[in-house]
Amino acid sequence: MSATSNYWLRSGFFTLLEKGAALVFSLGTAMLLLRLLDKPTFAAWGIFTIIGYFVEMGRNGLIQNGLVRALAIEKNDRANYAAISTASFTLNIAFSLVSNLLLWSAAAWLSHQYQAPQLALLLPVYYTTNFMMAPYTHCAFVQQANFEFRGIFWGTFFYRGALFVWVAGCWLLGRGIALPELALAMLTGAALGAVANGYFARPFLAFSGNIEWERIKNLLGYGKYVLGTNLSTMFYKNIDKLSLGYLLGPAAFAVYDAAGKVTQMVEAPSFSIAAVVFPKSAERMALEGAPGVRSLYERSVAAILAIILPFLLGVLVFAEPVIRIFAGPQYADSAGVLRLTAFFGLFMPFAVQFGTVMDSTGRPALNFVCTLFTALLNWGLSFYFVQQYGLFGAAYATLAGYAVSFVVMQYFLYKYFRVNALHAFWYVPEIYRIGWEMMKKRAVKLADSETNH
C-alpha cells in the first residue's frame, strides 16, 4: 500500500471515528434531554449550546487553519516551529478571554431576548470551560498539522462523552436534571479531553521562551477571514432556529430544534472528509494546479453524497417514526419540518468543500465573503418567512438561502478550477462500486480466516 493510500485510510478512519463519536454522544444526549426536560428548559439548553458552538467555531477559524499550515511548512525547523506554536497558544488564550468578556456583557440581553432566564446559571460555568478549550484545541491542531488523528478522537470521546454519561446516568436513576449540572459535566469533559489530546500531542509540542508578536500578527492576518467565515457559517446554519426563538418563543425553538438534531447526522461525513481534504487540497494545488483541486473537490463531494442520499430517502419516507423514536411523542409536530430540513444535507457537502478548497488554496477572503452573503441572506429570509409561515417558514427560508448560495459558490469554483457540480453526482455510483468491492474483499478475507481456523 502506498504512503498516500495509507494517509487517506488512516486519517480518514480516525477522523470519521472522531466525528462519529461526537455525533453519537451529541444525538444520544439530545434524545435523553428531549424526554427529561420541558420545552422551555430544552430551548434554554439549545440556545446555550449554540452560543458555545459560535465560540468554538470562532476559535477554530481564527487559529486552526493558520496554525496547521504554518507548522506543516516549518516542520523541519524546530526553532520556527516552536515560535509559531507559542504565538498560536497565546492567541488561543487571548481568544478565550475576549470571548468570555463579550458573553458576560451580552448575558442579560440574550436571556431577555430569548425568554431564557436559565442562561444566567449556565454562562458562568462556561467561562471556565472556554479557558479549558485553549489547551484542548491547541493540542488537537498540532496533531492535525503532523497528520496524527488518534488523540483528536480520544479528546472528542471524553469531551462529548462526559456529558452523555451524566445525562444517561440521571435518566437511568430517574432523577431530575438541573441545567448547571449539564454545564459542569461539559466542563469535566473539556478537562478530560484536554488531558487526552495533550497525551497524544506530546511528540509534537514545542514552545519558545519568547512571544513573537509578529507571528501573532501573521496568524491573525490569515485567521481573521476564516474566523469571519466560521461565524457566518454558524449564523446561517442557526438563524432559522434563532429567528423562531426570537419571534415565536422557546416552544417553537424546541420543536424545530428536535428536527434539526436529526439532520445534524449529515454533518459528520461532511466535516470528517473536509478535515482530511484540507491538507491534501493545499498539496494538490502546489503539485498539480487547478486540475488536481477539481478532481479532489468533485470526488470528495461525491463521497459525502453517497452517505447522505440514503439518509435523505429514509427521512422522507419514515419522518414520523424517526421523530417518535428520537424525540418522543410530544414532538410529533416536528415530522413535517424534518422532511424539509433533511434537504439541507444536499447542499452541505458542496458548501463545506467549497470552504475547504478556498481556504487551502489561499482564498480565505473569498470564502468569507460568500459565507457572509449566505448568512445575511438567510437572516433576511428567515425573518420574513417565519412571520409569514411560522414554523415551516424557517425551513423554507434556509432552503432558499442554501440554493442561492450554491449557485454563487459554484460560479467561483468553475471560474478558478473549472469544477462542475454535476460531476459529483456522476461519481456517486463509482463510490458505491468501490465500497461494494471493499466489502466483498473483506468478506473473502473473513471467510478465508474462518477456513484456516
Protein backbone atom coordinates (compact mmCIF):
# COMPACT_ATOMS: atom_id res chain seq x y z
CA MET A 1 0.00 0.00 0.00
CA SER A 2 1.36 3.44 -0.98
CA ALA A 3 2.06 6.16 1.56
CA THR A 4 -0.73 8.28 0.03
CA SER A 5 -3.29 5.48 0.32
CA ASN A 6 -2.17 4.82 3.86
CA TYR A 7 -2.65 8.51 4.73
CA TRP A 8 -6.20 8.57 3.41
CA LEU A 9 -7.21 5.31 5.07
CA ARG A 10 -5.61 6.02 8.44
CA SER A 11 -6.52 9.68 8.76
CA GLY A 12 -9.94 9.15 7.24
CA PHE A 13 -10.68 6.30 9.64
CA PHE A 14 -9.79 8.24 12.79
CA THR A 15 -11.45 11.44 11.56
CA LEU A 16 -14.69 9.62 10.74
CA LEU A 17 -14.42 7.82 14.07
CA GLU A 18 -13.99 11.15 15.88
CA LYS A 19 -16.93 12.80 14.11
CA GLY A 20 -18.97 9.64 14.59
CA ALA A 21 -18.29 9.59 18.32
CA ALA A 22 -19.22 13.28 18.60
CA LEU A 23 -22.41 12.60 16.64
CA VAL A 24 -23.44 9.57 18.70
CA PHE A 25 -22.83 11.31 22.01
CA SER A 26 -24.50 14.55 20.88
CA LEU A 27 -27.56 12.81 19.48
CA GLY A 28 -27.75 10.46 22.47
CA THR A 29 -27.62 13.42 24.84
CA ALA A 30 -30.29 15.26 22.82
CA MET A 31 -32.59 12.22 22.74
CA LEU A 32 -32.49 11.90 26.53
CA LEU A 33 -32.81 15.63 27.21
CA LEU A 34 -35.84 15.86 24.94
CA ARG A 35 -37.51 13.39 27.28
CA LEU A 36 -36.13 14.74 30.58
CA LEU A 37 -36.64 18.49 30.08
CA ASP A 38 -39.75 20.51 29.29
CA LYS A 39 -39.73 22.54 26.06
CA PRO A 40 -38.72 25.93 27.56
CA THR A 41 -35.85 24.33 29.50
CA PHE A 42 -34.71 22.34 26.47
CA ALA A 43 -34.82 25.55 24.42
CA ALA A 44 -32.62 27.30 27.01
CA TRP A 45 -30.09 24.47 26.79
CA GLY A 46 -30.28 24.58 22.99
CA ILE A 47 -29.55 28.32 22.92
CA PHE A 48 -26.66 27.78 25.34
CA THR A 49 -25.12 25.08 23.13
CA ILE A 50 -25.48 27.32 20.07
CA ILE A 51 -23.58 30.05 21.95
CA GLY A 52 -20.83 27.53 22.75
CA TYR A 53 -20.67 26.41 19.12
CA PHE A 54 -20.31 30.02 17.99
CA VAL A 55 -17.34 30.46 20.32
CA GLU A 56 -15.62 27.23 19.27
CA MET A 57 -16.20 27.80 15.57
CA GLY A 58 -14.73 31.27 16.03
CA ARG A 59 -11.68 29.81 17.80
CA ASN A 60 -11.19 27.20 15.10
CA GLY A 61 -11.48 29.80 12.36
CA LEU A 62 -9.06 32.25 13.94
CA ILE A 63 -6.40 29.69 14.83
CA GLN A 64 -6.74 26.24 13.29
CA ASN A 65 -6.03 26.60 9.57
CA GLY A 66 -3.32 29.22 10.02
CA LEU A 67 -1.52 27.13 12.64
CA VAL A 68 -1.83 23.87 10.68
CA ARG A 69 -0.43 25.49 7.53
CA ALA A 70 2.41 27.27 9.35
CA LEU A 71 3.50 24.21 11.36
CA ALA A 72 3.37 21.99 8.27
CA ILE A 73 5.69 24.41 6.44
CA GLU A 74 8.15 24.78 9.34
CA LYS A 75 8.05 21.16 10.49
CA ASN A 76 11.77 20.67 9.92
CA ASP A 77 12.84 23.95 11.57
CA ARG A 78 12.29 23.40 15.28
CA ALA A 79 13.04 26.99 16.28
CA ASN A 80 10.42 28.45 13.94
CA TYR A 81 8.05 25.60 14.75
CA ALA A 82 8.27 26.39 18.49
CA ALA A 83 7.87 30.13 17.91
CA ILE A 84 4.73 29.59 15.82
CA SER A 85 3.31 27.21 18.40
CA THR A 86 3.89 29.70 21.22
CA ALA A 87 2.32 32.56 19.27
CA SER A 88 -0.72 30.44 18.44
CA PHE A 89 -1.26 29.28 22.02
CA THR A 90 -1.00 32.86 23.24
CA LEU A 91 -3.61 33.88 20.66
CA ASN A 92 -5.79 30.95 21.77
CA ILE A 93 -5.80 32.08 25.42
CA ALA A 94 -6.47 35.68 24.37
CA PHE A 95 -9.45 34.50 22.33
CA SER A 96 -10.91 32.75 25.40
CA LEU A 97 -10.52 35.92 27.43
CA VAL A 98 -12.09 38.23 24.85
CA SER A 99 -15.00 35.88 24.06
CA ASN A 100 -15.72 35.48 27.79
CA LEU A 101 -15.87 39.25 28.18
CA LEU A 102 -18.26 39.53 25.22
CA LEU A 103 -20.52 36.80 26.62
CA TRP A 104 -20.52 38.39 30.06
CA SER A 105 -21.57 41.74 28.62
CA ALA A 106 -24.32 40.17 26.48
CA ALA A 107 -25.67 37.62 29.00
CA ALA A 108 -28.59 39.71 30.29
CA TRP A 109 -29.63 40.73 26.77
CA LEU A 110 -29.57 37.13 25.49
CA SER A 111 -31.64 35.89 28.45
CA HIS A 112 -34.25 38.59 27.83
CA GLN A 113 -34.45 38.33 24.04
CA TYR A 114 -34.88 34.54 24.02
CA GLN A 115 -37.01 34.32 27.17
CA ALA A 116 -34.40 32.01 28.72
CA PRO A 117 -33.51 33.20 32.25
CA GLN A 118 -31.68 29.88 32.82
CA LEU A 119 -28.79 31.20 30.71
CA ALA A 120 -27.72 33.24 33.74
CA LEU A 121 -26.98 29.93 35.51
CA LEU A 122 -25.14 28.34 32.60
CA LEU A 123 -22.80 31.02 31.28
CA PRO A 124 -20.68 31.45 34.46
CA VAL A 125 -19.70 27.78 34.26
CA TYR A 126 -18.98 28.09 30.55
CA TYR A 127 -16.42 30.84 31.17
CA THR A 128 -14.13 28.23 32.78
CA THR A 129 -14.88 25.70 30.02
CA ASN A 130 -13.89 28.32 27.47
CA PHE A 131 -10.42 28.69 29.02
CA MET A 132 -10.06 24.89 29.19
CA MET A 133 -10.68 24.72 25.44
CA ALA A 134 -7.44 26.63 24.77
CA PRO A 135 -5.08 23.71 25.60
CA TYR A 136 -7.66 21.23 24.28
CA THR A 137 -7.77 22.78 20.81
CA HIS A 138 -4.07 23.68 20.64
CA CYS A 139 -3.07 20.06 21.15
CA ALA A 140 -5.66 18.94 18.58
CA PHE A 141 -4.46 21.44 15.95
CA VAL A 142 -0.82 20.47 16.49
CA GLN A 143 -1.72 16.82 15.91
CA GLN A 144 -3.58 17.68 12.71
CA ALA A 145 -0.55 19.61 11.44
CA ASN A 146 1.52 16.44 11.93
CA PHE A 147 -1.08 14.14 10.31
CA GLU A 148 -1.89 12.47 13.65
CA PHE A 149 -5.58 11.95 14.38
CA ARG A 150 -5.72 9.39 17.22
CA GLY A 151 -5.56 11.92 20.03
CA ILE A 152 -8.20 14.10 18.36
CA PHE A 153 -10.56 11.14 18.52
CA TRP A 154 -9.89 10.47 22.20
CA GLY A 155 -10.17 14.15 23.05
CA THR A 156 -13.60 14.31 21.42
CA PHE A 157 -14.58 11.00 23.02
CA PHE A 158 -14.05 12.36 26.53
CA TYR A 159 -15.31 15.87 25.80
CA ARG A 160 -18.63 14.76 24.32
CA GLY A 161 -18.85 11.53 26.28
CA ALA A 162 -18.75 13.05 29.75
CA LEU A 163 -21.97 14.99 29.18
CA PHE A 164 -23.68 11.95 27.69
CA VAL A 165 -22.66 9.74 30.62
CA TRP A 166 -24.04 12.25 33.12
CA VAL A 167 -27.37 12.60 31.31
CA ALA A 168 -27.68 8.84 30.80
CA GLY A 169 -26.95 8.28 34.48
CA CYS A 170 -29.68 10.72 35.51
CA TRP A 171 -32.12 9.03 33.13
CA LEU A 172 -31.33 5.54 34.41
CA LEU A 173 -31.62 6.64 38.04
CA GLY A 174 -34.84 8.51 37.38
CA ARG A 175 -33.55 11.77 38.85
CA GLY A 176 -34.20 15.25 37.55
CA ILE A 177 -31.57 17.34 35.82
CA ALA A 178 -30.59 20.87 36.75
CA LEU A 179 -29.09 22.87 33.87
CA PRO A 180 -25.98 23.96 35.82
CA GLU A 181 -25.16 20.25 36.28
CA LEU A 182 -25.10 19.87 32.50
CA ALA A 183 -22.69 22.80 32.21
CA LEU A 184 -20.44 21.23 34.88
CA ALA A 185 -20.49 17.90 33.03
CA MET A 186 -19.41 19.74 29.87
CA LEU A 187 -16.55 21.37 31.81
CA THR A 188 -15.45 17.96 33.11
CA GLY A 189 -15.45 16.60 29.57
CA ALA A 190 -13.34 19.51 28.33
CA ALA A 191 -10.77 18.89 31.08
CA LEU A 192 -10.59 15.15 30.33
CA GLY A 193 -10.40 15.83 26.60
CA ALA A 194 -7.56 18.29 27.11
CA VAL A 195 -5.58 15.66 29.00
CA ALA A 196 -6.20 13.07 26.27
CA ASN A 197 -5.23 15.48 23.50
CA GLY A 198 -2.15 16.55 25.42
CA TYR A 199 -1.01 12.95 25.89
CA PHE A 200 -1.07 12.18 22.16
CA ALA A 201 0.32 15.60 21.19
CA ARG A 202 3.44 15.26 23.35
CA PRO A 203 5.83 14.35 20.48
CA PHE A 204 4.68 17.40 18.51
CA LEU A 205 4.53 20.05 21.23
CA ALA A 206 7.23 22.71 21.28
CA PHE A 207 7.30 26.19 22.82
CA SER A 208 9.79 29.02 22.76
CA GLY A 209 10.75 31.25 25.67
CA ASN A 210 9.58 34.43 23.92
CA ILE A 211 6.28 35.52 22.42
CA GLU A 212 6.91 36.90 18.93
CA TRP A 213 4.17 39.43 18.25
CA GLU A 214 4.94 39.49 14.54
CA ARG A 215 3.97 35.83 14.33
CA ILE A 216 0.75 36.53 16.22
CA LYS A 217 0.05 39.29 13.71
CA ASN A 218 0.64 36.86 10.81
CA LEU A 219 -1.67 34.26 12.32
CA LEU A 220 -4.32 36.94 12.84
CA GLY A 221 -3.88 38.14 9.28
CA TYR A 222 -4.68 34.69 7.93
CA GLY A 223 -7.22 33.66 10.55
CA LYS A 224 -9.40 36.77 10.51
CA TYR A 225 -11.06 35.70 7.27
CA VAL A 226 -11.58 32.13 8.41
CA LEU A 227 -12.93 33.49 11.72
CA GLY A 228 -15.46 35.55 9.81
CA THR A 229 -16.28 32.57 7.61
CA ASN A 230 -16.87 30.23 10.54
CA LEU A 231 -19.01 32.71 12.44
CA SER A 232 -21.01 33.42 9.28
CA THR A 233 -21.43 29.68 8.77
CA MET A 234 -22.72 29.24 12.31
CA PHE A 235 -25.03 32.19 11.78
CA TYR A 236 -26.62 30.93 8.58
CA LYS A 237 -26.91 27.39 9.95
CA ASN A 238 -28.69 28.56 13.10
CA ILE A 239 -30.52 31.75 12.10
CA ASP A 240 -33.69 29.74 11.39
CA LYS A 241 -33.79 28.45 14.99
CA LEU A 242 -32.75 31.78 16.46
CA SER A 243 -35.43 33.59 14.46
CA LEU A 244 -38.06 31.16 15.69
CA GLY A 245 -36.94 31.57 19.29
CA TYR A 246 -36.96 35.35 18.99
CA LEU A 247 -40.27 35.69 17.09
CA LEU A 248 -42.34 32.73 18.34
CA GLY A 249 -40.75 31.80 21.69
CA PRO A 250 -38.95 28.82 23.31
CA ALA A 251 -41.60 26.20 22.47
CA ALA A 252 -41.27 26.81 18.71
CA PHE A 253 -37.47 26.73 19.05
CA ALA A 254 -37.67 23.34 20.80
CA VAL A 255 -39.95 21.77 18.17
CA TYR A 256 -37.79 22.98 15.28
CA ASP A 257 -34.56 22.01 17.07
CA ALA A 258 -35.85 18.45 17.54
CA ALA A 259 -35.92 18.08 13.75
CA GLY A 260 -32.58 19.88 13.46
CA LYS A 261 -30.86 17.40 15.76
CA VAL A 262 -31.75 14.57 13.38
CA THR A 263 -30.41 16.39 10.33
CA GLN A 264 -27.12 17.02 12.17
CA MET A 265 -26.24 13.44 11.28
CA VAL A 266 -25.43 14.75 7.81
CA GLU A 267 -22.62 16.96 9.12
CA ALA A 268 -20.47 14.08 10.36
CA PRO A 269 -19.35 12.83 6.91
CA SER A 270 -19.15 16.39 5.53
CA PHE A 271 -16.77 17.76 8.18
CA SER A 272 -14.87 14.49 8.56
CA ILE A 273 -13.90 14.41 4.92
CA ALA A 274 -13.20 18.16 4.96
CA ALA A 275 -10.66 17.72 7.78
CA VAL A 276 -8.80 15.12 5.71
CA VAL A 277 -9.12 17.01 2.41
CA PHE A 278 -7.75 20.35 3.71
CA PRO A 279 -4.03 19.46 3.87
CA LYS A 280 -4.28 17.37 0.70
CA SER A 281 -6.03 20.16 -1.20
CA ALA A 282 -3.14 22.53 -0.50
CA GLU A 283 -0.72 19.82 -1.63
CA ARG A 284 -2.67 19.14 -4.83
CA MET A 285 -2.72 22.85 -5.68
CA ALA A 286 1.05 23.03 -5.30
CA LEU A 287 1.78 19.87 -7.28
CA GLU A 288 -0.99 19.60 -9.88
CA GLY A 289 -2.64 23.02 -10.03
CA ALA A 290 -6.34 23.54 -10.74
CA PRO A 291 -6.98 20.06 -12.28
CA GLY A 292 -5.84 18.35 -9.09
CA VAL A 293 -8.06 20.53 -6.92
CA ARG A 294 -11.02 19.99 -9.27
CA SER A 295 -10.72 16.21 -9.10
CA LEU A 296 -10.33 16.28 -5.32
CA TYR A 297 -13.39 18.53 -4.86
CA GLU A 298 -15.70 16.55 -7.13
CA ARG A 299 -14.77 13.17 -5.67
CA SER A 300 -14.84 14.28 -2.05
CA VAL A 301 -18.33 15.76 -2.52
CA ALA A 302 -19.39 12.54 -4.23
CA ALA A 303 -18.17 10.52 -1.24
CA ILE A 304 -20.30 12.64 1.12
CA LEU A 305 -23.35 12.47 -1.17
CA ALA A 306 -23.05 8.68 -1.28
CA ILE A 307 -23.56 8.67 2.51
CA ILE A 308 -26.24 11.38 2.58
CA LEU A 309 -28.59 10.18 -0.17
CA PRO A 310 -29.79 7.01 1.62
CA PHE A 311 -30.30 9.07 4.79
CA LEU A 312 -32.38 11.62 2.88
CA LEU A 313 -34.56 8.93 1.32
CA GLY A 314 -35.11 7.24 4.70
CA VAL A 315 -36.12 10.50 6.38
CA LEU A 316 -38.57 11.41 3.62
CA VAL A 317 -40.32 8.05 3.94
CA PHE A 318 -40.10 7.49 7.70
CA ALA A 319 -40.14 11.02 9.21
CA GLU A 320 -42.89 10.25 11.75
CA PRO A 321 -41.30 7.15 13.30
CA VAL A 322 -37.86 8.78 13.22
CA ILE A 323 -39.12 11.74 15.27
CA ARG A 324 -41.09 9.47 17.60
CA ILE A 325 -38.01 7.35 18.31
CA PHE A 326 -35.61 10.28 18.54
CA ALA A 327 -37.62 12.89 20.44
CA GLY A 328 -40.74 11.18 21.77
CA PRO A 329 -44.46 11.67 21.01
CA GLN A 330 -44.52 15.22 22.42
CA TYR A 331 -42.53 16.36 19.36
CA ALA A 332 -44.71 14.66 16.73
CA ASP A 333 -45.32 18.00 15.02
CA SER A 334 -41.61 18.09 14.11
CA ALA A 335 -42.03 15.37 11.44
CA GLY A 336 -43.17 17.77 8.72
CA VAL A 337 -40.30 20.13 9.50
CA LEU A 338 -37.86 17.21 9.38
CA ARG A 339 -38.87 16.37 5.82
CA LEU A 340 -37.85 19.88 4.79
CA THR A 341 -34.68 20.19 6.87
CA ALA A 342 -33.43 16.85 5.54
CA PHE A 343 -32.89 18.55 2.17
CA PHE A 344 -30.32 20.84 3.82
CA GLY A 345 -27.97 17.89 3.58
CA LEU A 346 -27.87 18.04 -0.20
CA PHE A 347 -26.29 21.49 -0.09
CA MET A 348 -23.99 20.90 2.89
CA PRO A 349 -21.19 18.91 1.18
CA PHE A 350 -20.87 21.43 -1.64
CA ALA A 351 -20.64 24.33 0.82
CA VAL A 352 -18.21 22.62 3.20
CA GLN A 353 -15.84 21.51 0.45
CA PHE A 354 -16.05 24.95 -1.19
CA GLY A 355 -14.69 26.41 2.03
CA THR A 356 -12.01 23.75 2.25
CA VAL A 357 -10.81 24.40 -1.30
CA MET A 358 -10.83 28.20 -0.99
CA ASP A 359 -9.03 28.25 2.36
CA SER A 360 -6.41 25.68 1.38
CA THR A 361 -5.61 27.39 -1.95
CA GLY A 362 -5.09 30.83 -0.43
CA ARG A 363 -8.53 32.41 -0.95
CA PRO A 364 -9.94 32.69 2.59
CA ALA A 365 -11.27 36.21 1.89
CA LEU A 366 -13.48 34.94 -0.94
CA ASN A 367 -14.75 32.12 1.25
CA PHE A 368 -15.59 34.65 3.96
CA VAL A 369 -17.47 36.95 1.57
CA CYS A 370 -19.56 34.09 0.13
CA THR A 371 -20.40 32.73 3.57
CA LEU A 372 -21.27 36.18 4.93
CA PHE A 373 -23.53 36.73 1.94
CA THR A 374 -25.33 33.46 2.73
CA ALA A 375 -25.66 34.40 6.40
CA LEU A 376 -27.17 37.80 5.66
CA LEU A 377 -29.47 36.32 3.01
CA ASN A 378 -30.71 33.62 5.41
CA TRP A 379 -31.21 36.23 8.11
CA GLY A 380 -33.46 38.36 5.93
CA LEU A 381 -35.34 35.38 4.52
CA SER A 382 -35.86 33.84 7.97
CA PHE A 383 -37.41 36.93 9.50
CA TYR A 384 -39.76 37.30 6.52
CA PHE A 385 -40.76 33.64 6.13
CA VAL A 386 -41.16 32.94 9.86
CA GLN A 387 -43.59 35.84 10.18
CA GLN A 388 -45.47 34.65 7.10
CA TYR A 389 -45.48 30.86 7.59
CA GLY A 390 -44.47 30.26 11.21
CA LEU A 391 -42.57 27.06 11.99
CA PHE A 392 -42.28 25.90 8.37
CA GLY A 393 -41.17 29.35 7.26
CA ALA A 394 -37.79 28.84 8.93
CA ALA A 395 -37.15 25.75 6.80
CA TYR A 396 -38.36 27.44 3.60
CA ALA A 397 -36.02 30.37 4.24
CA THR A 398 -32.98 28.19 4.86
CA LEU A 399 -33.62 26.06 1.76
CA ALA A 400 -33.96 29.17 -0.39
CA GLY A 401 -30.78 30.66 1.07
CA TYR A 402 -28.81 27.45 0.53
CA ALA A 403 -29.98 27.24 -3.09
CA VAL A 404 -28.88 30.79 -3.92
CA SER A 405 -25.57 30.30 -2.10
CA PHE A 406 -24.97 27.06 -4.01
CA VAL A 407 -25.21 28.90 -7.33
CA VAL A 408 -22.80 31.64 -6.18
CA MET A 409 -20.22 29.19 -4.82
CA GLN A 410 -20.33 27.02 -7.93
CA TYR A 411 -19.71 30.10 -10.08
CA PHE A 412 -16.41 30.76 -8.31
CA LEU A 413 -15.42 27.09 -8.29
CA TYR A 414 -15.91 26.95 -12.05
CA LYS A 415 -14.11 30.26 -12.56
CA TYR A 416 -10.94 29.23 -10.71
CA PHE A 417 -10.87 25.43 -11.04
CA ARG A 418 -13.40 24.54 -13.77
CA VAL A 419 -15.38 22.49 -11.24
CA ASN A 420 -18.72 21.14 -12.47
CA ALA A 421 -21.06 20.36 -9.58
CA LEU A 422 -22.96 17.76 -11.61
CA HIS A 423 -19.80 15.65 -11.85
CA ALA A 424 -20.08 14.97 -8.11
CA PHE A 425 -23.36 13.16 -8.72
CA TRP A 426 -21.74 11.37 -11.68
CA TYR A 427 -19.09 9.93 -9.34
CA VAL A 428 -21.59 8.68 -6.72
CA PRO A 429 -22.13 5.27 -8.44
CA GLU A 430 -18.35 4.88 -8.58
CA ILE A 431 -18.17 5.48 -4.80
CA TYR A 432 -20.81 2.81 -4.22
CA ARG A 433 -18.94 0.41 -6.52
CA ILE A 434 -15.66 0.96 -4.67
CA GLY A 435 -17.44 0.46 -1.34
CA TRP A 436 -19.04 -2.75 -2.58
CA GLU A 437 -15.70 -4.09 -3.83
CA MET A 438 -14.09 -3.31 -0.47
CA MET A 439 -16.86 -5.14 1.40
CA LYS A 440 -16.51 -8.17 -0.88
CA LYS A 441 -12.76 -8.31 -0.32
CA ARG A 442 -13.31 -8.02 3.41
CA ALA A 443 -15.86 -10.83 3.31
CA VAL A 444 -13.45 -13.05 1.37
CA LYS A 445 -10.68 -12.39 3.92
CA LEU A 446 -13.01 -13.25 6.79
CA ALA A 447 -14.12 -16.43 5.03
CA ASP A 448 -10.51 -17.45 4.39
CA SER A 449 -9.66 -16.76 8.03
CA GLU A 450 -12.51 -18.96 9.23
CA THR A 451 -11.46 -21.72 6.82
CA ASN A 452 -7.85 -21.65 8.06
CA HIS A 453 -9.04 -21.96 11.65
